[in-house]
Protein backbone atom coordinates (compact mmCIF):
# COMPACT_ATOMS: atom_id res chain seq x y z
CA MET A 1 0.00 0.00 0.00
CA LYS A 2 1.11 3.55 -0.77
CA LEU A 3 0.22 6.34 1.65
CA LEU A 4 0.39 9.96 0.51
CA ARG A 5 -1.02 13.40 1.18
CA ILE A 6 -2.41 15.65 -1.52
CA GLY A 7 -3.27 19.34 -1.58
CA PRO A 8 -1.85 22.82 -0.96
CA ALA A 9 0.69 23.16 1.84
CA GLY A 10 -1.13 23.02 5.17
CA GLN A 11 -4.33 21.73 3.57
CA GLU A 12 -3.26 18.24 2.48
CA LYS A 13 -5.70 15.34 2.59
CA PRO A 14 -4.54 11.80 3.47
CA ALA A 15 -4.82 9.37 0.59
CA ILE A 16 -3.93 5.94 -0.70
CA LEU A 17 -3.17 4.91 -4.26
CA ASP A 18 -5.61 2.39 -5.69
CA ALA A 19 -4.68 -0.41 -8.10
CA ASN A 20 -4.98 2.00 -11.04
CA GLY A 21 -2.73 4.64 -9.50
CA VAL A 22 -5.63 6.93 -8.58
CA ALA A 23 -5.25 8.80 -5.27
CA ARG A 24 -8.24 8.10 -3.03
CA ASP A 25 -9.17 10.42 -0.17
CA VAL A 26 -9.15 8.49 3.14
CA SER A 27 -10.00 11.43 5.42
CA SER A 28 -13.24 9.60 6.28
CA ILE A 29 -11.06 6.91 7.90
CA VAL A 30 -8.23 9.01 9.38
CA ARG A 31 -8.02 12.77 9.76
CA ASP A 32 -4.41 12.89 8.58
CA PHE A 33 -1.18 10.90 8.62
CA THR A 34 0.42 12.17 11.81
CA PRO A 35 2.62 10.72 14.56
CA GLU A 36 -0.58 10.24 16.55
CA THR A 37 -2.44 8.29 13.86
CA VAL A 38 0.05 6.17 11.89
CA SER A 39 0.28 2.56 13.01
CA PRO A 40 0.11 -1.00 11.68
CA GLU A 41 -3.54 -1.00 12.76
CA LEU A 42 -4.26 2.02 10.57
CA VAL A 43 -2.61 0.31 7.61
CA ALA A 44 -4.81 -2.74 8.18
CA ARG A 45 -7.94 -0.53 8.22
CA LEU A 46 -6.89 1.18 5.00
CA LYS A 47 -6.19 -2.14 3.31
CA ALA A 48 -9.63 -3.38 4.31
CA ALA A 49 -11.39 -0.33 2.86
CA ASP A 50 -13.15 -0.44 -0.49
CA ALA A 51 -10.82 1.91 -2.39
CA ALA A 52 -13.20 2.28 -5.34
CA SER A 53 -15.85 3.78 -3.04
CA LEU A 54 -13.52 6.49 -1.73
CA PRO A 55 -13.43 9.93 -3.41
CA ALA A 56 -10.78 10.38 -6.08
CA LEU A 57 -8.45 13.34 -5.61
CA PRO A 58 -7.53 15.50 -8.62
CA ALA A 59 -4.81 14.11 -10.86
CA GLY A 60 -1.80 16.39 -11.03
CA ALA A 61 -2.48 18.06 -7.68
CA ARG A 62 0.42 18.87 -5.39
CA ILE A 63 1.76 15.95 -3.37
CA GLY A 64 2.83 16.95 0.12
CA ALA A 65 5.11 15.14 2.51
CA PRO A 66 3.47 11.79 3.33
CA LEU A 67 3.40 12.77 7.03
CA SER A 68 2.02 16.03 8.37
CA ARG A 69 5.09 16.24 10.60
CA THR A 70 7.70 14.06 12.24
CA GLY A 71 8.75 14.09 15.86
CA HIS A 72 12.33 13.10 15.06
CA PHE A 73 14.09 13.23 11.69
CA ILE A 74 17.17 11.03 12.21
CA ALA A 75 19.93 10.65 9.63
CA ILE A 76 22.80 8.21 9.17
CA GLY A 77 26.08 9.52 7.81
CA LEU A 78 28.67 7.80 5.61
CA ASN A 79 26.65 4.58 5.31
CA TYR A 80 28.04 3.66 1.89
CA ALA A 81 31.75 2.85 1.70
CA ASP A 82 32.23 4.53 -1.67
CA HIS A 83 30.53 7.71 -0.42
CA ALA A 84 32.84 7.75 2.60
CA ALA A 85 35.78 7.47 0.22
CA GLU A 86 34.62 10.37 -1.98
CA SER A 87 34.13 12.43 1.21
CA ASN A 88 37.71 11.64 2.29
CA MET A 89 36.39 10.16 5.54
CA PRO A 90 37.06 6.74 7.09
CA ILE A 91 34.47 3.97 6.96
CA PRO A 92 32.73 4.20 10.33
CA ALA A 93 32.97 1.35 12.84
CA GLU A 94 29.47 2.19 14.10
CA PRO A 95 26.64 4.17 12.50
CA ILE A 96 27.16 7.92 12.45
CA VAL A 97 23.94 9.42 13.78
CA PHE A 98 22.77 13.02 13.50
CA SER A 99 19.49 14.90 13.29
CA LYS A 100 17.73 16.95 10.68
CA ALA A 101 15.33 19.58 12.00
CA PRO A 102 11.75 18.26 11.84
CA SER A 103 10.80 21.59 10.23
CA CYS A 104 12.88 20.70 7.14
CA LEU A 105 10.22 18.18 6.05
CA CYS A 106 8.55 19.07 2.75
CA GLY A 107 6.84 17.57 -0.27
CA PRO A 108 8.74 15.57 -2.88
CA ASP A 109 8.31 18.15 -5.63
CA ASP A 110 8.41 21.34 -3.56
CA ASP A 111 11.07 23.92 -4.35
CA VAL A 112 14.30 23.61 -2.37
CA LEU A 113 15.10 26.95 -0.74
CA MET A 114 18.72 28.10 -0.94
CA PRO A 115 19.37 30.05 2.27
CA PRO A 116 21.00 33.49 2.22
CA GLY A 117 24.76 33.06 2.33
CA SER A 118 24.68 29.44 1.19
CA GLN A 119 27.86 28.49 -0.69
CA LYS A 120 27.83 24.69 -0.95
CA LEU A 121 24.30 23.34 -1.33
CA ASP A 122 24.39 19.62 -2.11
CA TRP A 123 22.10 16.66 -2.88
CA GLU A 124 21.80 13.13 -1.41
CA VAL A 125 19.29 10.51 -2.56
CA GLU A 126 18.46 8.23 0.37
CA LEU A 127 16.15 5.45 1.49
CA ALA A 128 14.02 6.64 4.40
CA VAL A 129 12.41 4.37 6.99
CA VAL A 130 9.20 5.48 8.73
CA ILE A 131 8.55 4.04 12.18
CA GLY A 132 5.07 2.63 12.84
CA LYS A 133 5.04 1.88 16.55
CA ARG A 134 7.00 2.68 19.71
CA CYS A 135 10.43 1.11 19.39
CA ASP A 136 12.59 0.72 22.49
CA LEU A 137 15.48 -1.74 22.94
CA VAL A 138 14.42 -3.78 19.93
CA SER A 139 16.50 -6.64 18.55
CA GLU A 140 17.61 -6.72 14.93
CA ALA A 141 15.50 -9.86 14.42
CA ASP A 142 12.37 -8.01 15.57
CA ALA A 143 13.07 -4.63 13.93
CA ALA A 144 10.95 -5.23 10.82
CA GLY A 145 7.79 -5.28 12.94
CA TYR A 146 8.30 -1.65 13.91
CA ILE A 147 8.54 -0.26 10.38
CA LEU A 148 5.47 1.42 8.89
CA GLY A 149 7.07 1.75 5.47
CA TYR A 150 9.76 3.21 3.25
CA ALA A 151 10.10 6.42 1.22
CA VAL A 152 12.49 8.42 -0.94
CA CYS A 153 14.36 11.22 0.84
CA ASN A 154 16.64 13.94 -0.48
CA ASP A 155 19.00 14.74 2.39
CA VAL A 156 19.72 18.28 1.17
CA SER A 157 22.92 19.55 2.77
CA GLU A 158 24.76 22.86 3.04
CA ARG A 159 28.34 21.53 3.21
CA ASN A 160 29.96 24.75 4.39
CA TRP A 161 27.61 24.92 7.36
CA GLN A 162 27.80 21.16 7.95
CA LEU A 163 31.59 20.76 7.92
CA GLU A 164 33.29 24.15 8.15
CA ARG A 165 31.32 26.10 10.73
CA GLY A 166 32.05 23.98 13.81
CA GLY A 167 29.64 22.09 16.03
CA GLN A 168 27.20 19.46 14.84
CA TRP A 169 26.20 18.45 11.29
CA ILE A 170 22.59 19.52 11.89
CA LYS A 171 23.61 23.11 11.10
CA GLY A 172 23.96 22.14 7.45
CA LYS A 173 21.13 19.62 7.39
CA GLY A 174 18.09 21.29 8.92
CA GLY A 175 17.14 24.25 6.76
CA PRO A 176 13.57 24.70 5.52
CA THR A 177 12.92 22.29 2.59
CA PHE A 178 16.12 20.32 3.32
CA GLY A 179 14.03 17.16 3.83
CA PRO A 180 11.87 16.35 0.78
CA LEU A 181 10.08 13.07 1.55
CA GLY A 182 7.85 10.87 -0.62
CA PRO A 183 5.92 10.87 -2.89
CA TRP A 184 4.60 7.96 -0.84
CA ILE A 185 5.24 5.83 2.18
CA VAL A 186 5.24 2.30 0.74
CA THR A 187 4.37 -0.49 3.19
CA PRO A 188 6.96 -3.25 3.63
CA ASP A 189 4.85 -5.93 1.95
CA GLU A 190 5.12 -4.00 -1.33
CA VAL A 191 8.82 -3.20 -0.97
CA GLY A 192 10.20 -6.69 -0.37
CA ASP A 193 13.91 -6.63 0.44
CA PRO A 194 14.86 -3.05 1.38
CA GLN A 195 18.51 -3.95 0.68
CA ALA A 196 17.90 -4.58 -3.02
CA LEU A 197 16.63 -1.24 -4.32
CA ASP A 198 18.27 0.73 -7.13
CA MET A 199 18.51 4.48 -6.58
CA PHE A 200 19.41 7.49 -8.73
CA LEU A 201 19.71 11.26 -8.74
CA ASP A 202 20.16 13.57 -11.75
CA VAL A 203 21.03 17.27 -11.69
CA ASN A 204 19.83 19.35 -14.65
CA GLY A 205 19.22 16.13 -16.57
CA LYS A 206 22.74 14.77 -16.06
CA PRO A 207 23.41 11.62 -14.01
CA ALA A 208 24.95 12.37 -10.61
CA GLN A 209 24.21 9.44 -8.31
CA ARG A 210 23.67 5.79 -9.19
CA GLY A 211 23.62 3.14 -6.51
CA SER A 212 21.81 0.41 -4.64
CA THR A 213 20.69 0.00 -1.05
CA GLY A 214 22.47 -3.34 -1.25
CA THR A 215 25.80 -1.60 -0.66
CA MET A 216 24.87 -0.03 2.69
CA ILE A 217 27.46 -0.62 5.41
CA PHE A 218 24.81 -0.82 8.13
CA LYS A 219 21.55 -2.38 6.96
CA VAL A 220 18.05 -1.12 7.71
CA MET A 221 17.18 -3.62 10.43
CA HIS A 222 20.50 -3.07 12.16
CA LEU A 223 19.92 0.70 12.13
CA VAL A 224 16.44 0.44 13.66
CA SER A 225 17.73 -1.86 16.40
CA TYR A 226 20.88 0.21 16.94
CA LEU A 227 19.01 3.48 17.32
CA SER A 228 16.52 1.90 19.72
CA GLN A 229 19.39 1.20 22.11
CA PHE A 230 20.06 4.94 22.47
CA MET A 231 16.59 6.50 22.14
CA VAL A 232 12.94 5.57 21.92
CA LEU A 233 11.70 5.71 18.35
CA GLU A 234 8.09 6.85 18.08
CA PRO A 235 5.44 6.42 15.35
CA GLY A 236 6.07 8.87 12.55
CA ASP A 237 9.79 9.19 13.23
CA VAL A 238 11.86 9.17 10.04
CA ILE A 239 15.28 7.56 9.65
CA THR A 240 17.11 8.47 6.45
CA THR A 241 19.79 5.88 5.92
CA GLY A 242 22.69 7.39 3.96
CA THR A 243 23.59 8.05 0.35
CA PRO A 244 25.61 6.35 -2.41
CA PRO A 245 28.47 8.15 -4.19
CA GLY A 246 27.98 10.99 -6.62
CA VAL A 247 27.21 13.94 -4.35
CA GLY A 248 28.41 17.39 -5.40
CA MET A 249 31.06 17.51 -2.69
CA GLY A 250 32.64 14.38 -4.14
CA GLN A 251 33.01 15.72 -7.69
CA LYS A 252 36.47 16.77 -8.89
CA PRO A 253 36.28 19.71 -8.64
CA PRO A 254 33.23 19.89 -6.35
CA VAL A 255 29.96 21.00 -7.94
CA TYR A 256 27.24 22.63 -5.86
CA LEU A 257 23.66 23.60 -6.53
CA LYS A 258 22.72 27.10 -7.62
CA VAL A 259 19.42 28.90 -8.04
CA GLY A 260 17.53 27.47 -11.01
CA ASP A 261 19.05 23.99 -10.83
CA ARG A 262 16.72 21.03 -10.94
CA MET A 263 17.04 17.64 -9.24
CA ARG A 264 15.27 14.43 -10.20
CA LEU A 265 15.73 11.42 -7.94
CA GLY A 266 14.08 8.13 -7.11
CA ILE A 267 14.29 4.63 -5.70
CA ALA A 268 12.89 1.52 -7.37
CA GLY A 269 9.30 0.93 -6.24
CA LEU A 270 9.22 4.06 -4.07
CA GLY A 271 8.60 6.71 -6.71
CA GLU A 272 10.42 9.84 -7.82
CA GLN A 273 10.98 13.41 -6.68
CA ASN A 274 11.56 16.57 -8.74
CA GLN A 275 12.81 19.80 -7.18
CA LYS A 276 13.91 23.23 -8.35
CA VAL A 277 16.36 25.31 -6.33
CA VAL A 278 15.08 28.81 -5.57
CA ALA A 279 16.38 31.63 -3.39
CA ARG A 280 14.90 31.78 0.09
């Protein structure tokens, strides 16, 4: 099942995609997809609904983030060995964990805002994991039962602020629109093996990133279990799991985004995103 939200920013309606790819309004079943409402039980109710009887939402309408908000937007750094190499950083012995500001969440095709003074705006296609129920001290063997679904994420990064301004990485990771998510949350039964998904990102129509989730250093189930040893993961929390090589910082010489640039990115079975960079 694919969960999405459609409508103008702040006025999105929760929806599912039917077998024909038509978005069906499910606001009669759930008021919105929020940390308070998402759960395996909600997914079961949506699957049991007669999709054909639900109102169709307009084709071509804006797709928002598939969650109204997230309590915690957690990111994993340097989780692909070849990306660590292009970043001139060692392969980590344990997952590198940092946060993105929850306010960076936005729709998959919304404009990406370049902040004033930004010098090194960069792209990162990533597999995101959405938590479906409270997850505390969970084993790797049990981790799958806590996952609501998977989505495409662009971990937009301002490298100067991330790496050259001191302090924590969140400074370069949390700006408004730095967390495009979606177009959908896809439930695990439709995804299959999350470690066998091809991923890509193009900038202005030219290939930048090509990779597979199969080359992650730390796999999805390990990450969910690992994080649950340090914090309680709550429904609606998002974990974005790292990026393959091909980011702008890794080019020789480095190439960074500028106003007017366009990104297109996607992951097999999880859909695509399209963003334009505009001045904030």
